[in-house]
């Protein structure tokens, strides 16, 4: 069984930065397209970044130019560098492997990012 554990969240001031990490364990044999998602209070979980095994990235307009996803294939870890954070970025952030439009594994606990002065 694959486990995903996100870390690196916390309280950040507007305009600040944070780096999230996603550790994978178990038989994650595929480790293909990985993504970061976020869920704000009262909203559905949304995809904010994806990265292929070859390093191709994609972002929605709301975070493009501010967020950077990266991966370490040897360690099977995924990272999310977030810059110029805004209050609307406040959410619980999760990682998962994409399987088409679905996710492949059970969700981890997520890591809370709160952007506030």
Protein backbone atom coordinates (compact mmCIF):
# COMPACT_ATOMS: atom_id res chain seq x y z
CA UNK A 1 0.00 0.00 0.00
CA UNK A 2 1.34 3.41 -0.95
CA UNK A 3 1.38 6.17 1.62
CA UNK A 4 1.71 9.87 0.89
CA UNK A 5 2.86 12.29 3.54
CA UNK A 6 2.89 16.02 2.94
CA UNK A 7 4.88 18.49 5.00
CA UNK A 8 6.18 22.04 5.02
CA UNK A 9 3.03 24.03 5.59
CA UNK A 10 2.47 26.71 8.19
CA UNK A 11 1.57 30.33 8.66
CA UNK A 12 3.01 32.62 6.00
CA UNK A 13 2.60 36.35 5.50
CA UNK A 14 1.19 37.62 2.23
CA UNK A 15 3.99 37.89 -0.28
CA UNK A 16 5.97 35.23 1.50
CA UNK A 17 7.16 31.83 0.38
CA UNK A 18 6.88 28.22 1.45
CA UNK A 19 8.16 24.91 0.20
CA UNK A 20 6.06 21.80 0.53
CA UNK A 21 7.37 18.25 0.37
CA UNK A 22 5.60 15.02 -0.45
CA UNK A 23 7.17 11.79 0.70
CA UNK A 24 6.00 8.52 -0.78
CA UNK A 25 6.40 5.09 0.73
CA UNK A 26 5.32 1.63 -0.18
CA UNK A 27 5.28 0.00 -3.55
CA UNK A 28 4.83 3.13 -5.64
CA UNK A 29 6.04 1.28 -8.70
CA UNK A 30 4.71 3.74 -11.21
CA UNK A 31 5.59 7.24 -9.86
CA UNK A 32 4.34 8.71 -13.08
CA UNK A 33 2.59 12.05 -13.33
CA UNK A 34 2.50 13.60 -9.88
CA UNK A 35 0.34 16.48 -8.79
CA UNK A 36 -0.24 18.91 -5.97
CA UNK A 37 -3.81 19.67 -5.00
CA UNK A 38 -5.35 22.04 -2.49
CA UNK A 39 -8.63 22.28 -0.69
CA UNK A 40 -9.78 25.53 0.83
CA UNK A 41 -12.55 25.63 3.44
CA UNK A 42 -15.92 25.07 1.84
CA UNK A 43 -14.41 24.33 -1.57
CA UNK A 44 -13.64 21.23 -3.56
CA UNK A 45 -10.12 19.93 -3.87
CA UNK A 46 -8.40 21.47 -6.89
CA UNK A 47 -5.29 20.61 -8.87
CA UNK A 48 -2.60 23.30 -8.68
CA UNK A 49 0.42 21.70 -10.33
CA UNK A 50 1.48 18.60 -12.22
CA UNK A 51 4.81 17.17 -13.28
CA UNK A 52 5.54 14.24 -15.54
CA UNK A 53 8.29 11.71 -14.94
CA UNK A 54 10.33 13.60 -17.52
CA UNK A 55 9.87 16.92 -15.75
CA UNK A 56 7.21 18.61 -17.85
CA UNK A 57 5.11 20.86 -15.63
CA UNK A 58 1.68 22.43 -15.87
CA UNK A 59 -0.18 24.95 -13.73
CA UNK A 60 -3.54 26.66 -13.71
CA UNK A 61 -3.56 30.39 -14.23
CA UNK A 62 -4.20 31.13 -10.57
CA UNK A 63 -0.73 29.93 -9.53
CA UNK A 64 1.29 30.08 -12.75
CA UNK A 65 4.43 32.10 -12.28
CA UNK A 66 4.24 31.78 -8.50
CA UNK A 67 4.31 28.02 -7.87
CA UNK A 68 6.98 25.58 -9.05
CA UNK A 69 6.61 21.82 -8.84
CA UNK A 70 9.65 19.56 -8.89
CA UNK A 71 10.47 15.95 -8.21
CA UNK A 72 13.27 13.63 -7.18
CA UNK A 73 12.69 10.37 -8.99
CA UNK A 74 15.39 8.52 -7.06
CA UNK A 75 13.86 9.47 -3.72
CA UNK A 76 10.31 9.36 -5.10
CA UNK A 77 9.56 12.74 -3.60
CA UNK A 78 7.70 15.72 -4.96
CA UNK A 79 8.05 19.36 -3.97
CA UNK A 80 6.07 22.56 -4.38
CA UNK A 81 7.82 25.90 -4.14
CA UNK A 82 5.29 28.65 -3.55
CA UNK A 83 6.24 32.29 -3.89
CA UNK A 84 4.33 35.55 -3.57
CA UNK A 85 1.67 33.81 -1.54
CA UNK A 86 -1.77 35.36 -1.30
CA UNK A 87 -4.54 34.91 1.27
CA UNK A 88 -6.52 32.98 -1.34
CA UNK A 89 -3.76 30.35 -1.38
CA UNK A 90 -4.82 29.35 2.13
CA UNK A 91 -5.76 25.69 1.98
CA UNK A 92 -4.74 22.18 2.89
CA UNK A 93 -2.28 20.96 0.28
CA UNK A 94 -2.07 17.34 -0.87
CA UNK A 95 -0.03 15.37 -3.36
CA UNK A 96 -1.00 12.32 -5.38
CA UNK A 97 -0.18 10.44 -8.52
CA UNK A 98 -2.47 11.09 -11.44
CA UNK A 99 -4.16 8.26 -13.28
CA UNK A 100 -5.71 10.11 -16.17
CA UNK A 101 -8.11 12.55 -14.58
CA UNK A 102 -8.28 10.52 -11.40
CA UNK A 103 -5.82 10.04 -8.58
CA UNK A 104 -4.16 6.72 -8.03
CA UNK A 105 -3.62 6.53 -4.28
CA UNK A 106 -5.49 7.26 -1.06
CA UNK A 107 -5.04 10.80 0.15
CA UNK A 108 -2.46 11.62 2.76
CA UNK A 109 -3.08 13.90 5.73
CA UNK A 110 -2.19 17.03 3.77
CA UNK A 111 -0.36 20.06 5.08
CA UNK A 112 -2.07 23.29 6.05
CA UNK A 113 -0.86 26.52 4.49
CA UNK A 114 -2.32 29.68 5.95
CA UNK A 115 -1.50 33.01 4.33
CA UNK A 116 -2.32 35.83 6.69
CA UNK A 117 -0.79 38.90 8.25
